[in-house]
N, C-alpha and C. Protein backbone atom coordinates (compact mmCIF):
# COMPACT_ATOMS: atom_id res chain seq x y z
N MET A 1 -55.36 14.01 52.93
CA MET A 1 -54.61 15.44 53.95
C MET A 1 -54.43 16.21 52.93
N VAL A 2 -54.37 17.61 53.32
CA VAL A 2 -54.17 18.78 52.42
C VAL A 2 -52.72 19.46 52.80
N VAL A 3 -52.16 19.86 51.82
CA VAL A 3 -50.87 20.26 52.04
C VAL A 3 -50.92 21.67 51.47
N ASP A 4 -50.54 22.93 52.00
CA ASP A 4 -50.89 24.18 51.61
C ASP A 4 -49.35 24.62 51.19
N THR A 5 -49.46 25.01 50.14
CA THR A 5 -48.26 25.42 49.57
C THR A 5 -48.44 26.88 48.88
N LYS A 6 -47.44 27.63 48.45
CA LYS A 6 -47.64 28.92 47.91
C LYS A 6 -48.20 28.93 46.22
N TYR A 7 -48.37 27.46 45.98
CA TYR A 7 -48.74 27.47 45.01
C TYR A 7 -50.23 26.97 44.96
N GLY A 8 -50.77 26.86 46.18
CA GLY A 8 -52.09 26.21 46.07
C GLY A 8 -52.03 25.26 47.18
N GLU A 9 -53.38 24.48 47.26
CA GLU A 9 -53.77 23.42 48.14
C GLU A 9 -53.26 22.21 47.25
N PHE A 10 -53.00 21.14 47.98
CA PHE A 10 -52.73 19.91 47.00
C PHE A 10 -53.43 18.92 48.26
N GLU A 11 -54.34 17.88 47.74
CA GLU A 11 -54.61 17.06 48.35
C GLU A 11 -53.83 15.69 48.48
N VAL A 12 -53.19 15.09 49.51
CA VAL A 12 -52.23 14.10 49.20
C VAL A 12 -52.57 13.03 49.97
N LYS A 13 -52.09 11.52 49.75
CA LYS A 13 -52.51 10.37 50.56
C LYS A 13 -52.00 10.33 51.98
N ASP A 14 -52.72 9.95 52.74
CA ASP A 14 -52.00 9.67 54.01
C ASP A 14 -51.00 8.42 54.12
N ILE A 15 -50.16 8.57 54.94
CA ILE A 15 -48.78 7.21 55.12
C ILE A 15 -48.96 6.88 56.10
N THR A 16 -48.56 5.79 56.47
CA THR A 16 -48.55 5.55 57.74
C THR A 16 -47.20 5.33 58.38
N ARG A 17 -47.39 5.28 59.79
CA ARG A 17 -45.85 5.77 60.81
C ARG A 17 -45.08 4.72 59.88
N LYS A 18 -44.99 3.52 59.85
CA LYS A 18 -43.61 2.61 59.22
C LYS A 18 -43.06 3.48 57.93
N GLU A 19 -44.10 3.51 56.97
CA GLU A 19 -43.62 4.29 55.95
C GLU A 19 -43.26 5.43 56.11
N ARG A 20 -43.46 6.58 57.15
CA ARG A 20 -42.87 7.56 57.11
C ARG A 20 -41.31 7.54 57.90
N ARG A 21 -41.40 6.41 58.66
CA ARG A 21 -40.00 6.03 59.47
C ARG A 21 -38.91 5.87 58.00
N GLU A 22 -39.52 4.63 57.36
CA GLU A 22 -38.63 4.46 56.28
C GLU A 22 -37.93 5.55 55.46
N LEU A 23 -38.80 6.35 55.16
CA LEU A 23 -38.78 7.42 54.16
C LEU A 23 -37.86 8.36 55.17
N TYR A 24 -38.11 8.61 56.11
CA TYR A 24 -37.18 9.68 56.76
C TYR A 24 -35.79 9.34 56.69
N LYS A 25 -35.37 8.27 56.88
CA LYS A 25 -34.09 7.81 56.89
C LYS A 25 -33.60 8.00 55.20
N LYS A 26 -34.43 7.85 54.27
CA LYS A 26 -33.87 8.05 53.18
C LYS A 26 -33.93 9.76 52.75
N VAL A 27 -34.68 10.42 53.35
CA VAL A 27 -34.74 11.84 52.95
C VAL A 27 -33.75 12.47 53.59
N LYS A 28 -33.33 11.74 55.09
CA LYS A 28 -31.92 12.59 55.48
C LYS A 28 -30.81 12.67 54.51
N GLU A 29 -30.86 11.21 54.38
CA GLU A 29 -29.46 10.80 53.45
C GLU A 29 -29.44 11.34 52.16
N VAL A 30 -30.48 11.44 51.34
CA VAL A 30 -30.57 12.27 50.15
C VAL A 30 -30.06 13.86 50.40
N TYR A 31 -30.81 14.52 51.39
CA TYR A 31 -30.85 15.76 51.56
C TYR A 31 -29.25 15.72 52.09
N SER A 32 -28.67 14.95 52.63
CA SER A 32 -27.45 15.38 53.25
C SER A 32 -26.47 15.05 52.30
N SER A 33 -26.75 14.33 51.24
CA SER A 33 -25.89 14.03 50.29
C SER A 33 -25.66 15.49 49.13
N ASN A 34 -26.58 15.97 49.41
CA ASN A 34 -26.48 17.25 48.32
C ASN A 34 -26.50 16.80 47.02
N ASP A 35 -26.71 15.59 46.77
CA ASP A 35 -26.87 15.17 45.16
C ASP A 35 -27.89 15.39 44.28
N GLU A 36 -27.95 16.58 43.33
CA GLU A 36 -29.13 17.12 42.43
C GLU A 36 -29.80 15.88 41.98
N ASN A 37 -29.60 14.67 41.62
CA ASN A 37 -30.04 13.71 40.87
C ASN A 37 -30.75 12.99 41.76
N LYS A 38 -30.27 12.73 43.02
CA LYS A 38 -30.96 11.80 44.05
C LYS A 38 -32.23 12.73 44.55
N LEU A 39 -31.89 14.30 44.68
CA LEU A 39 -33.11 15.00 44.90
C LEU A 39 -34.43 14.95 44.21
N HIS A 40 -33.93 15.18 42.71
CA HIS A 40 -35.40 14.87 41.68
C HIS A 40 -35.60 13.70 42.00
N GLU A 41 -35.17 12.54 41.99
CA GLU A 41 -35.61 11.10 42.07
C GLU A 41 -36.44 11.12 43.31
N LEU A 42 -36.17 11.72 44.49
CA LEU A 42 -36.68 11.56 45.51
C LEU A 42 -38.12 12.61 45.28
N GLY A 43 -37.86 13.61 44.83
CA GLY A 43 -39.45 14.32 44.38
C GLY A 43 -40.11 13.25 43.67
N ASP A 44 -39.69 12.81 42.69
CA ASP A 44 -40.69 11.99 41.81
C ASP A 44 -41.22 10.75 42.69
N GLU A 45 -40.34 10.44 43.76
CA GLU A 45 -40.88 9.20 44.35
C GLU A 45 -41.93 9.62 45.46
N PHE A 46 -41.92 11.01 45.74
CA PHE A 46 -42.91 11.56 46.53
C PHE A 46 -44.20 12.13 45.74
N ALA A 47 -43.79 12.18 44.59
CA ALA A 47 -44.93 13.00 43.96
C ALA A 47 -46.03 11.50 43.74
N LEU A 48 -45.23 10.31 43.50
CA LEU A 48 -46.16 9.25 43.35
C LEU A 48 -47.09 8.88 44.94
N LEU A 49 -46.04 8.78 45.53
CA LEU A 49 -46.46 8.60 47.20
C LEU A 49 -47.91 9.42 47.39
N ALA A 50 -47.60 10.80 46.97
CA ALA A 50 -48.61 11.87 47.48
C ALA A 50 -50.01 11.36 46.54
N PHE A 51 -49.48 11.35 45.34
CA PHE A 51 -50.71 11.45 44.43
C PHE A 51 -51.27 10.08 43.96
N GLY A 52 -50.52 9.03 44.33
CA GLY A 52 -51.06 7.79 43.98
C GLY A 52 -50.32 7.28 42.28
N ASN A 53 -50.21 8.38 41.47
CA ASN A 53 -49.84 7.35 40.28
C ASN A 53 -49.59 8.92 39.40
N ASP A 54 -48.87 8.46 38.35
CA ASP A 54 -48.32 9.46 37.53
C ASP A 54 -49.34 10.20 36.99
N GLU A 55 -50.59 9.64 36.47
CA GLU A 55 -51.53 10.75 35.92
C GLU A 55 -51.96 11.46 37.12
N ASN A 56 -52.21 10.93 38.26
CA ASN A 56 -52.66 12.04 39.13
C ASN A 56 -51.86 12.97 39.55
N ALA A 57 -50.43 12.44 39.44
CA ALA A 57 -49.48 13.77 39.87
C ALA A 57 -49.62 14.82 38.55
N ASP A 58 -49.56 14.24 37.31
CA ASP A 58 -49.65 15.20 36.38
C ASP A 58 -50.91 16.18 36.37
N LYS A 59 -51.95 15.82 36.80
CA LYS A 59 -53.21 16.47 37.08
C LYS A 59 -52.96 17.73 38.17
N ALA A 60 -52.24 17.20 39.29
CA ALA A 60 -52.08 17.98 40.06
C ALA A 60 -51.03 18.97 40.20
N LEU A 61 -49.86 18.48 39.47
CA LEU A 61 -48.53 19.49 39.37
C LEU A 61 -48.51 20.03 37.70
N GLY A 62 -49.47 19.50 36.88
CA GLY A 62 -49.18 19.55 35.37
C GLY A 62 -49.33 20.84 34.77
N LYS A 63 -49.38 22.25 35.90
CA LYS A 63 -49.66 23.31 35.18
C LYS A 63 -48.50 24.17 36.17
N LEU A 64 -47.70 23.75 36.64
CA LEU A 64 -46.60 24.13 37.45
C LEU A 64 -45.17 24.38 36.42
N SER A 65 -44.96 25.25 36.82
CA SER A 65 -43.29 25.21 35.97
C SER A 65 -42.50 24.20 36.78
N ALA A 66 -41.25 23.70 36.18
CA ALA A 66 -40.47 22.54 36.88
C ALA A 66 -40.04 23.33 38.03
N VAL A 67 -39.61 24.52 38.10
CA VAL A 67 -39.14 25.15 39.61
C VAL A 67 -40.15 25.11 40.50
N GLU A 68 -41.46 25.29 40.21
CA GLU A 68 -42.46 25.70 41.11
C GLU A 68 -43.09 23.98 41.38
N GLU A 69 -42.92 22.89 40.48
CA GLU A 69 -43.27 21.72 41.01
C GLU A 69 -42.26 21.17 42.08
N ASP A 70 -41.15 21.62 41.75
CA ASP A 70 -39.96 21.27 42.67
C ASP A 70 -40.35 21.93 44.37
N GLN A 71 -40.64 23.14 44.26
CA GLN A 71 -41.09 23.56 45.25
C GLN A 71 -42.13 22.70 46.05
N VAL A 72 -43.27 22.60 45.34
CA VAL A 72 -44.26 21.80 45.85
C VAL A 72 -44.20 20.54 46.40
N LEU A 73 -43.35 19.75 45.78
CA LEU A 73 -42.75 18.48 46.09
C LEU A 73 -41.82 18.66 47.52
N VAL A 74 -41.16 19.73 47.57
CA VAL A 74 -40.18 19.94 48.88
C VAL A 74 -41.10 20.49 50.17
N THR A 75 -42.27 21.04 49.72
CA THR A 75 -43.23 21.28 50.73
C THR A 75 -43.72 20.19 51.22
N ILE A 76 -44.15 19.10 50.27
CA ILE A 76 -44.96 17.76 50.30
C ILE A 76 -44.23 16.91 51.39
N ILE A 77 -42.89 16.61 50.85
CA ILE A 77 -41.78 15.83 51.61
C ILE A 77 -41.77 16.48 52.78
N SER A 78 -41.68 17.78 53.35
CA SER A 78 -41.45 18.43 54.52
C SER A 78 -42.80 18.37 55.18
N PHE A 79 -43.70 18.20 54.86
CA PHE A 79 -44.96 18.06 55.20
C PHE A 79 -44.75 16.55 56.04
N TYR A 80 -44.94 15.87 55.07
CA TYR A 80 -44.85 14.36 55.39
C TYR A 80 -43.48 13.61 56.50
N MET A 81 -42.75 14.48 56.44
CA MET A 81 -41.87 14.06 57.52
C MET A 81 -41.64 14.91 58.53
N GLY A 82 -42.04 16.19 58.54
CA GLY A 82 -42.29 16.86 59.87
C GLY A 82 -40.97 17.57 60.18
N ILE A 83 -40.21 17.89 59.12
CA ILE A 83 -38.99 18.50 59.36
C ILE A 83 -38.75 19.65 58.45
N ASP A 84 -37.77 20.76 58.55
CA ASP A 84 -37.43 21.76 57.98
C ASP A 84 -36.26 21.20 56.82
N LEU A 85 -36.46 21.57 55.70
CA LEU A 85 -35.36 20.86 54.60
C LEU A 85 -34.83 22.13 54.16
N GLY A 86 -34.81 23.17 54.79
CA GLY A 86 -33.86 24.22 54.75
C GLY A 86 -32.46 23.94 55.43
N ASN A 87 -32.77 22.73 56.58
CA ASN A 87 -31.50 22.24 57.38
C ASN A 87 -31.73 20.94 56.78
N PRO A 88 -30.79 20.33 55.72
CA PRO A 88 -30.54 18.83 55.49
C PRO A 88 -30.49 17.67 56.29
N THR A 89 -30.43 18.04 57.58
CA THR A 89 -30.09 16.97 58.25
C THR A 89 -31.47 16.90 59.08
N GLY A 90 -32.39 17.92 58.74
CA GLY A 90 -33.78 17.53 59.41
C GLY A 90 -33.49 18.06 60.92
N ASP A 91 -32.52 18.14 61.57
CA ASP A 91 -32.65 18.30 63.09
C ASP A 91 -32.94 19.94 63.37
């Protein structure tokens, strides 16, 4: 699957419906908590999910600034979950 962001296109792994459902609950909980540490941990978790391992994530995201990387990861999370993360509850 390809996720198109303002920083380019990123090839990410497919996930199953079951994975998506489990992650959806976590994403809603983390975003509604507005806990910055949990948001960063969630981004790191999705980087590993999307790219398979740290090495691949480094290759894909390594040239981005920290802010740009966070924006790409939010876009990837939104893509996987099918929600607008501008609305923390996803509704």
